[in-house]
Amino acid sequence: MTFLSMVTLQIYYDGAKGDYDMFRKFIFKYTGLQLSKERYDMMEMSSLRLKASNGGLTMKFTKGFIEFSINGNIYVSFENHFGNFIRELETYLADINSNADSISIEKINLWSIDKNSLHQAKDAIFSKDLQEMIPLSGHSLIAKEFIDDDNLRNINNSKMLVKYGSFCEGENVNLILDTICSSCQLVIPNNLYSVAANLNQKLFDAYNWCVTDSVIDAMRKEPL
């Protein structure tokens, strides 16, 4: 059981070092799609977008930026969905001699609730530690950034943005926990997977700190 709505991986890199043939091979090896030279040239102005037939996976490419999103209802694990892609990207970035300027992973969790039970639901879902460190004001979303500062030269140094609160969609009320973990250093291709995996682990730890034991217990139960 999961309350996960979306997982998004974003990577910025020096795309000016690439060329059509190398990018075409990278796309073909991962997706099996043949990219035309004309479409590659258009990536300066409009992104190349790919979407799975079931709508659960979307990818966006520009020259220097990649966004890869997975719907929470099909997400299994970091390795399962992002592992092969990141390893192929490592090879591509090594081929064009480009580092990753930044890597970030975002995880959005949603809970649909009865609007008359907003305060009870908030206390049932969000941990006391979270609410004390980042107090909510009214029904708005609130955010706080945490930055590692113990070793700024460590490749695993990162910053975490935690945003939570409530919002309305028509008659529905949702509680949201939106966490983003980003690298704070340039990442060479050989370290791309390990850094991304480390960011994912930090998001996992943050989630477990942000929610109550009751939420964790509910996730461990078999679905009805």
C-alpha atoms as a PDB file:
ATOM      1  CA  MET A   1       0.000   0.000   0.000  1.00  0.00           C
ATOM      2  CA  THR A   2       1.330   3.439  -0.871  1.00  0.00           C
ATOM      3  CA  PHE A   3       0.222   7.061  -0.740  1.00  0.00           C
ATOM      4  CA  LEU A   4       2.738   8.013  -3.413  1.00  0.00           C
ATOM      5  CA  SER A   5       1.368  10.177  -6.226  1.00  0.00           C
ATOM      6  CA  MET A   6       4.443  10.957  -8.351  1.00  0.00           C
ATOM      7  CA  VAL A   7       8.220  10.445  -8.458  1.00  0.00           C
ATOM      8  CA  THR A   8      10.280  12.746 -10.700  1.00  0.00           C
ATOM      9  CA  LEU A   9      13.974  12.609 -11.536  1.00  0.00           C
ATOM     10  CA  GLN A  10      15.571  15.752 -13.027  1.00  0.00           C
ATOM     11  CA  ILE A  11      19.120  16.057 -14.340  1.00  0.00           C
ATOM     12  CA  TYR A  12      20.844  19.136 -15.777  1.00  0.00           C
ATOM     13  CA  TYR A  13      24.062  18.698 -17.756  1.00  0.00           C
ATOM     14  CA  ASP A  14      26.193  20.484 -20.369  1.00  0.00           C
ATOM     15  CA  GLY A  15      24.279  19.462 -23.463  1.00  0.00           C
ATOM     16  CA  ALA A  16      26.433  21.683 -25.721  1.00  0.00           C
ATOM     17  CA  LYS A  17      29.062  18.934 -25.692  1.00  0.00           C
ATOM     18  CA  GLY A  18      26.681  16.430 -27.282  1.00  0.00           C
ATOM     19  CA  ASP A  19      25.878  15.767 -30.904  1.00  0.00           C
ATOM     20  CA  TYR A  20      23.091  14.114 -32.858  1.00  0.00           C
ATOM     21  CA  ASP A  21      24.707  10.710 -33.401  1.00  0.00           C
ATOM     22  CA  MET A  22      25.573  10.147 -29.737  1.00  0.00           C
ATOM     23  CA  PHE A  23      22.196  11.357 -28.488  1.00  0.00           C
ATOM     24  CA  ARG A  24      20.383   9.272 -31.101  1.00  0.00           C
ATOM     25  CA  LYS A  25      22.229   6.143 -29.919  1.00  0.00           C
ATOM     26  CA  PHE A  26      21.429   6.928 -26.292  1.00  0.00           C
ATOM     27  CA  ILE A  27      17.705   7.347 -27.016  1.00  0.00           C
ATOM     28  CA  PHE A  28      17.569   4.262 -29.230  1.00  0.00           C
ATOM     29  CA  LYS A  29      19.366   2.045 -26.719  1.00  0.00           C
ATOM     30  CA  TYR A  30      17.003   3.012 -23.903  1.00  0.00           C
ATOM     31  CA  THR A  31      13.677   3.455 -25.743  1.00  0.00           C
ATOM     32  CA  GLY A  32      14.104   1.705 -29.103  1.00  0.00           C
ATOM     33  CA  LEU A  33      12.967   4.894 -30.859  1.00  0.00           C
ATOM     34  CA  GLN A  34      14.758   6.364 -33.888  1.00  0.00           C
ATOM     35  CA  LEU A  35      15.230  10.098 -33.455  1.00  0.00           C
ATOM     36  CA  SER A  36      15.496  12.191 -36.608  1.00  0.00           C
ATOM     37  CA  LYS A  37      18.143  14.887 -37.054  1.00  0.00           C
ATOM     38  CA  GLU A  38      15.377  17.463 -37.574  1.00  0.00           C
ATOM     39  CA  ARG A  39      13.718  16.569 -34.263  1.00  0.00           C
ATOM     40  CA  TYR A  40      17.071  16.655 -32.474  1.00  0.00           C
ATOM     41  CA  ASP A  41      17.761  20.146 -33.804  1.00  0.00           C
ATOM     42  CA  MET A  42      14.327  21.288 -32.577  1.00  0.00           C
ATOM     43  CA  MET A  43      15.296  20.404 -28.993  1.00  0.00           C
ATOM     44  CA  GLU A  44      16.889  23.837 -28.723  1.00  0.00           C
ATOM     45  CA  MET A  45      13.401  25.346 -28.788  1.00  0.00           C
ATOM     46  CA  SER A  46      10.972  22.595 -27.825  1.00  0.00           C
ATOM     47  CA  SER A  47      11.500  19.549 -25.655  1.00  0.00           C
ATOM     48  CA  LEU A  48      11.268  15.982 -26.876  1.00  0.00           C
ATOM     49  CA  ARG A  49       8.474  14.313 -24.898  1.00  0.00           C
ATOM     50  CA  LEU A  50       7.874  10.589 -24.568  1.00  0.00           C
ATOM     51  CA  LYS A  51       4.933   8.968 -22.806  1.00  0.00           C
ATOM     52  CA  ALA A  52       4.139   5.321 -22.070  1.00  0.00           C
ATOM     53  CA  SER A  53       0.919   3.981 -23.557  1.00  0.00           C
ATOM     54  CA  ASN A  54      -0.545   3.488 -20.068  1.00  0.00           C
ATOM     55  CA  GLY A  55       0.281   7.089 -19.164  1.00  0.00           C
ATOM     56  CA  GLY A  56       2.231   6.046 -16.094  1.00  0.00           C
ATOM     57  CA  LEU A  57       5.645   7.138 -17.321  1.00  0.00           C
ATOM     58  CA  THR A  58       6.668  10.370 -19.035  1.00  0.00           C
ATOM     59  CA  MET A  59      10.054  11.690 -20.140  1.00  0.00           C
ATOM     60  CA  LYS A  60      11.130  15.133 -21.315  1.00  0.00           C
ATOM     61  CA  PHE A  61      14.449  15.867 -23.027  1.00  0.00           C
ATOM     62  CA  THR A  62      16.084  19.128 -24.038  1.00  0.00           C
ATOM     63  CA  LYS A  63      19.719  19.789 -24.846  1.00  0.00           C
ATOM     64  CA  GLY A  64      21.026  19.846 -21.311  1.00  0.00           C
ATOM     65  CA  PHE A  65      18.000  18.733 -19.281  1.00  0.00           C
ATOM     66  CA  ILE A  66      16.129  15.480 -18.646  1.00  0.00           C
ATOM     67  CA  GLU A  67      12.942  14.950 -16.638  1.00  0.00           C
ATOM     68  CA  PHE A  68      11.668  11.428 -15.947  1.00  0.00           C
ATOM     69  CA  SER A  69       8.356  11.021 -14.052  1.00  0.00           C
ATOM     70  CA  ILE A  70       6.615   7.872 -12.779  1.00  0.00           C
ATOM     71  CA  ASN A  71       3.056   7.705 -11.433  1.00  0.00           C
ATOM     72  CA  GLY A  72       2.924   6.490  -7.859  1.00  0.00           C
ATOM     73  CA  ASN A  73       0.399   3.756  -8.660  1.00  0.00           C
ATOM     74  CA  ILE A  74       2.980   1.877 -10.775  1.00  0.00           C
ATOM     75  CA  TYR A  75       6.156   2.874  -8.931  1.00  0.00           C
ATOM     76  CA  VAL A  76       7.961  -0.112  -7.433  1.00  0.00           C
ATOM     77  CA  SER A  77      11.463   1.038  -6.516  1.00  0.00           C
ATOM     78  CA  PHE A  78      14.257   3.421  -7.498  1.00  0.00           C
ATOM     79  CA  GLU A  79      16.302   0.614  -9.050  1.00  0.00           C
ATOM     80  CA  ASN A  80      13.351  -0.882 -10.911  1.00  0.00           C
ATOM     81  CA  HIS A  81      12.331   2.331 -12.671  1.00  0.00           C
ATOM     82  CA  PHE A  82      15.438   4.514 -12.819  1.00  0.00           C
ATOM     83  CA  GLY A  83      18.378   2.096 -12.585  1.00  0.00           C
ATOM     84  CA  ASN A  84      18.837   1.143 -16.247  1.00  0.00           C
ATOM     85  CA  PHE A  85      18.094   4.663 -17.446  1.00  0.00           C
ATOM     86  CA  ILE A  86      20.705   6.267 -15.192  1.00  0.00           C
ATOM     87  CA  ARG A  87      23.329   3.722 -16.231  1.00  0.00           C
ATOM     88  CA  GLU A  88      22.666   4.465 -19.908  1.00  0.00           C
ATOM     89  CA  LEU A  89      22.858   8.177 -19.132  1.00  0.00           C
ATOM     90  CA  GLU A  90      26.188   7.632 -17.361  1.00  0.00           C
ATOM     91  CA  THR A  91      27.552   6.150 -20.575  1.00  0.00           C
ATOM     92  CA  TYR A  92      26.171   8.981 -22.696  1.00  0.00           C
ATOM     93  CA  LEU A  93      27.578  11.716 -20.456  1.00  0.00           C
ATOM     94  CA  ALA A  94      30.961   9.974 -20.395  1.00  0.00           C
ATOM     95  CA  ASP A  95      30.903   9.776 -24.213  1.00  0.00           C
ATOM     96  CA  ILE A  96      30.286  13.518 -24.546  1.00  0.00           C
ATOM     97  CA  ASN A  97      32.636  14.340 -21.639  1.00  0.00           C
ATOM     98  CA  SER A  98      29.916  16.135 -19.665  1.00  0.00           C
ATOM     99  CA  ASN A  99      29.191  16.261 -15.939  1.00  0.00           C
ATOM    100  CA  ALA A 100      25.781  16.591 -14.325  1.00  0.00           C
ATOM    101  CA  ASP A 101      25.356  20.157 -13.037  1.00  0.00           C
ATOM    102  CA  SER A 102      22.609  18.989 -10.683  1.00  0.00           C
ATOM    103  CA  ILE A 103      20.441  15.967  -9.908  1.00  0.00           C
ATOM    104  CA  SER A 104      17.158  16.077  -8.017  1.00  0.00           C
ATOM    105  CA  ILE A 105      14.437  13.613  -7.086  1.00  0.00           C
ATOM    106  CA  GLU A 106      10.955  14.699  -6.029  1.00  0.00           C
ATOM    107  CA  LYS A 107       8.345  12.513  -4.337  1.00  0.00           C
ATOM    108  CA  ILE A 108       4.763  13.702  -3.871  1.00  0.00           C
ATOM    109  CA  ASN A 109       2.452  11.887  -1.457  1.00  0.00           C
ATOM    110  CA  LEU A 110      -1.282  12.597  -1.243  1.00  0.00           C
ATOM    111  CA  TRP A 111      -4.042  11.695   1.193  1.00  0.00           C
ATOM    112  CA  SER A 112      -7.669  12.410   0.229  1.00  0.00           C
ATOM    113  CA  ILE A 113      -9.644  13.332   3.328  1.00  0.00           C
ATOM    114  CA  ASP A 114     -13.024  14.526   4.525  1.00  0.00           C
ATOM    115  CA  LYS A 115     -12.835  18.320   4.852  1.00  0.00           C
ATOM    116  CA  ASN A 116     -14.631  18.082   8.191  1.00  0.00           C
ATOM    117  CA  SER A 117     -11.810  15.906   9.528  1.00  0.00           C
ATOM    118  CA  LEU A 118      -8.917  18.082   8.375  1.00  0.00           C
ATOM    119  CA  HIS A 119      -7.331  18.709  11.770  1.00  0.00           C
ATOM    120  CA  GLN A 120      -7.699  15.120  12.951  1.00  0.00           C
ATOM    121  CA  ALA A 121      -6.264  13.852   9.646  1.00  0.00           C
ATOM    122  CA  LYS A 122      -3.325  16.261   9.850  1.00  0.00           C
ATOM    123  CA  ASP A 123      -2.350  14.908  13.266  1.00  0.00           C
ATOM    124  CA  ALA A 124      -2.913  11.323  12.161  1.00  0.00           C
ATOM    125  CA  ILE A 125      -0.671  11.683   9.099  1.00  0.00           C
ATOM    126  CA  PHE A 126       2.066  14.235   9.821  1.00  0.00           C
ATOM    127  CA  SER A 127       4.487  13.472  12.637  1.00  0.00           C
ATOM    128  CA  LYS A 128       4.727  15.621  15.741  1.00  0.00           C
ATOM    129  CA  ASP A 129       8.397  16.303  14.938  1.00  0.00           C
ATOM    130  CA  LEU A 130       7.491  17.691  11.514  1.00  0.00           C
ATOM    131  CA  GLN A 131       4.684  19.873  12.827  1.00  0.00           C
ATOM    132  CA  GLU A 132       6.870  21.265  15.605  1.00  0.00           C
ATOM    133  CA  MET A 133       9.821  22.014  13.313  1.00  0.00           C
ATOM    134  CA  ILE A 134       7.670  23.467  10.494  1.00  0.00           C
ATOM    135  CA  PRO A 135       4.410  24.699  12.087  1.00  0.00           C
ATOM    136  CA  LEU A 136       1.421  24.906   9.781  1.00  0.00           C
ATOM    137  CA  SER A 137      -0.486  28.184   9.546  1.00  0.00           C
ATOM    138  CA  GLY A 138      -4.104  27.804   8.482  1.00  0.00           C
ATOM    139  CA  HIS A 139      -4.764  25.572   5.491  1.00  0.00           C
ATOM    140  CA  SER A 140      -1.903  26.766   3.296  1.00  0.00           C
ATOM    141  CA  LEU A 141       1.162  24.800   2.214  1.00  0.00           C
ATOM    142  CA  ILE A 142       4.412  25.534   4.005  1.00  0.00           C
ATOM    143  CA  ALA A 143       7.976  24.710   3.000  1.00  0.00           C
ATOM    144  CA  LYS A 144      11.407  24.550   4.600  1.00  0.00           C
ATOM    145  CA  GLU A 145      14.813  23.828   3.089  1.00  0.00           C
ATOM    146  CA  PHE A 146      17.529  21.813   4.820  1.00  0.00           C
ATOM    147  CA  ILE A 147      21.121  21.948   3.524  1.00  0.00           C
ATOM    148  CA  ASP A 148      24.009  19.649   4.429  1.00  0.00           C
ATOM    149  CA  ASP A 149      26.864  21.800   5.665  1.00  0.00           C
ATOM    150  CA  ASP A 150      29.198  19.338   7.367  1.00  0.00           C
ATOM    151  CA  ASN A 151      31.320  18.718   4.263  1.00  0.00           C
ATOM    152  CA  LEU A 152      30.562  20.910   1.268  1.00  0.00           C
ATOM    153  CA  ARG A 153      33.026  19.004  -0.934  1.00  0.00           C
ATOM    154  CA  ASN A 154      31.372  15.647  -0.387  1.00  0.00           C
ATOM    155  CA  ILE A 155      29.680  14.428  -3.580  1.00  0.00           C
ATOM    156  CA  ASN A 156      26.786  13.191  -1.444  1.00  0.00           C
ATOM    157  CA  ASN A 157      26.196  16.654  -0.023  1.00  0.00           C
ATOM    158  CA  SER A 158      22.598  17.635  -0.742  1.00  0.00           C
ATOM    159  CA  LYS A 159      19.727  19.945   0.071  1.00  0.00           C
ATOM    160  CA  MET A 160      16.233  18.850   1.004  1.00  0.00           C
ATOM    161  CA  LEU A 161      13.040  20.843   0.482  1.00  0.00           C
ATOM    162  CA  VAL A 162      10.066  19.692   2.550  1.00  0.00           C
ATOM    163  CA  LYS A 163       6.623  21.087   1.728  1.00  0.00           C
ATOM    164  CA  TYR A 164       3.392  19.951   3.330  1.00  0.00           C
ATOM    165  CA  GLY A 165      -0.119  21.082   4.127  1.00  0.00           C
ATOM    166  CA  SER A 166      -3.541  20.899   2.493  1.00  0.00           C
ATOM    167  CA  PHE A 167      -5.162  22.018  -0.731  1.00  0.00           C
ATOM    168  CA  CYS A 168      -8.581  21.723  -2.361  1.00  0.00           C
ATOM    169  CA  GLU A 169      -9.565  20.168  -5.682  1.00  0.00           C
ATOM    170  CA  GLY A 170     -13.215  21.059  -6.182  1.00  0.00           C
ATOM    171  CA  GLU A 171     -15.095  19.424  -3.340  1.00  0.00           C
ATOM    172  CA  ASN A 172     -12.135  17.244  -2.412  1.00  0.00           C
ATOM    173  CA  VAL A 173      -9.519  18.093   0.206  1.00  0.00           C
ATOM    174  CA  ASN A 174      -6.037  16.611   0.053  1.00  0.00           C
ATOM    175  CA  LEU A 175      -3.139  16.565   2.454  1.00  0.00           C
ATOM    176  CA  ILE A 176       0.184  16.670   0.653  1.00  0.00           C
ATOM    177  CA  LEU A 177       3.784  15.893   1.516  1.00  0.00           C
ATOM    178  CA  ASP A 178       6.149  17.053  -1.235  1.00  0.00           C
ATOM    179  CA  THR A 179       9.867  16.346  -0.710  1.00  0.00           C
ATOM    180  CA  ILE A 180      12.703  17.233  -3.104  1.00  0.00           C
ATOM    181  CA  CYS A 181      16.315  16.204  -2.569  1.00  0.00           C
ATOM    182  CA  SER A 182      18.997  17.753  -4.819  1.00  0.00           C
ATOM    183  CA  SER A 183      22.737  17.390  -5.225  1.00  0.00           C
ATOM    184  CA  CYS A 184      24.909  20.368  -4.261  1.00  0.00           C
ATOM    185  CA  GLN A 185      27.958  19.453  -6.352  1.00  0.00           C
ATOM    186  CA  LEU A 186      28.863  18.704  -9.966  1.00  0.00           C
ATOM    187  CA  VAL A 187      28.592  14.957 -10.513  1.00  0.00           C
ATOM    188  CA  ILE A 188      30.918  13.105 -12.869  1.00  0.00           C
ATOM    189  CA  PRO A 189      29.266  10.401 -15.000  1.00  0.00           C
ATOM    190  CA  ASN A 190      30.712   7.484 -13.018  1.00  0.00           C
ATOM    191  CA  ASN A 191      29.086   8.815  -9.829  1.00  0.00           C
ATOM    192  CA  LEU A 192      25.679   9.548 -11.314  1.00  0.00           C
ATOM    193  CA  TYR A 193      23.932   6.391 -10.101  1.00  0.00           C
ATOM    194  CA  SER A 194      25.460   6.406  -6.609  1.00  0.00           C
ATOM    195  CA  VAL A 195      24.558  10.073  -6.042  1.00  0.00           C
ATOM    196  CA  ALA A 196      20.995   9.580  -7.310  1.00  0.00           C
ATOM    197  CA  ALA A 197      20.587   6.473  -5.131  1.00  0.00           C
ATOM    198  CA  ASN A 198      21.829   8.461  -2.134  1.00  0.00           C
ATOM    199  CA  LEU A 199      19.279  11.210  -2.812  1.00  0.00           C
ATOM    200  CA  ASN A 200      16.558   8.585  -2.995  1.00  0.00           C
ATOM    201  CA  GLN A 201      17.637   7.094   0.343  1.00  0.00           C
ATOM    202  CA  LYS A 202      17.521  10.542   1.957  1.00  0.00           C
ATOM    203  CA  LEU A 203      13.965  10.993   0.641  1.00  0.00           C
ATOM    204  CA  PHE A 204      13.018   7.622   2.110  1.00  0.00           C
ATOM    205  CA  ASP A 205      14.437   8.653   5.485  1.00  0.00           C
ATOM    206  CA  ALA A 206      12.709  12.051   5.291  1.00  0.00           C
ATOM    207  CA  TYR A 207       9.341  10.433   4.549  1.00  0.00           C
ATOM    208  CA  ASN A 208       9.657   8.158   7.561  1.00  0.00           C
ATOM    209  CA  TRP A 209      10.458  11.188   9.733  1.00  0.00           C
ATOM    210  CA  CYS A 210       7.606  13.299   8.320  1.00  0.00           C
ATOM    211  CA  VAL A 211       4.755  10.833   8.824  1.00  0.00           C
ATOM    212  CA  THR A 212       3.349   9.063  11.869  1.00  0.00           C
ATOM    213  CA  ASP A 213       3.837   5.429  12.808  1.00  0.00           C
ATOM    214  CA  SER A 214       0.179   4.874  11.902  1.00  0.00           C
ATOM    215  CA  VAL A 215       0.905   5.796   8.269  1.00  0.00           C
ATOM    216  CA  ILE A 216       3.885   3.423   8.161  1.00  0.00           C
ATOM    217  CA  ASP A 217       1.775   0.641   9.694  1.00  0.00           C
ATOM    218  CA  ALA A 218      -0.977   1.219   7.095  1.00  0.00           C
ATOM    219  CA  MET A 219       1.566   0.931   4.271  1.00  0.00           C
ATOM    220  CA  ARG A 220       2.725  -2.452   5.568  1.00  0.00           C
ATOM    221  CA  LYS A 221      -0.758  -3.939   5.408  1.00  0.00           C
ATOM    222  CA  GLU A 222      -1.932  -5.969   2.452  1.00  0.00           C
ATOM    223  CA  PRO A 223      -4.460  -4.119   0.244  1.00  0.00           C
ATOM    224  CA  LEU A 224      -8.125  -5.014   0.745  1.00  0.00           C
END
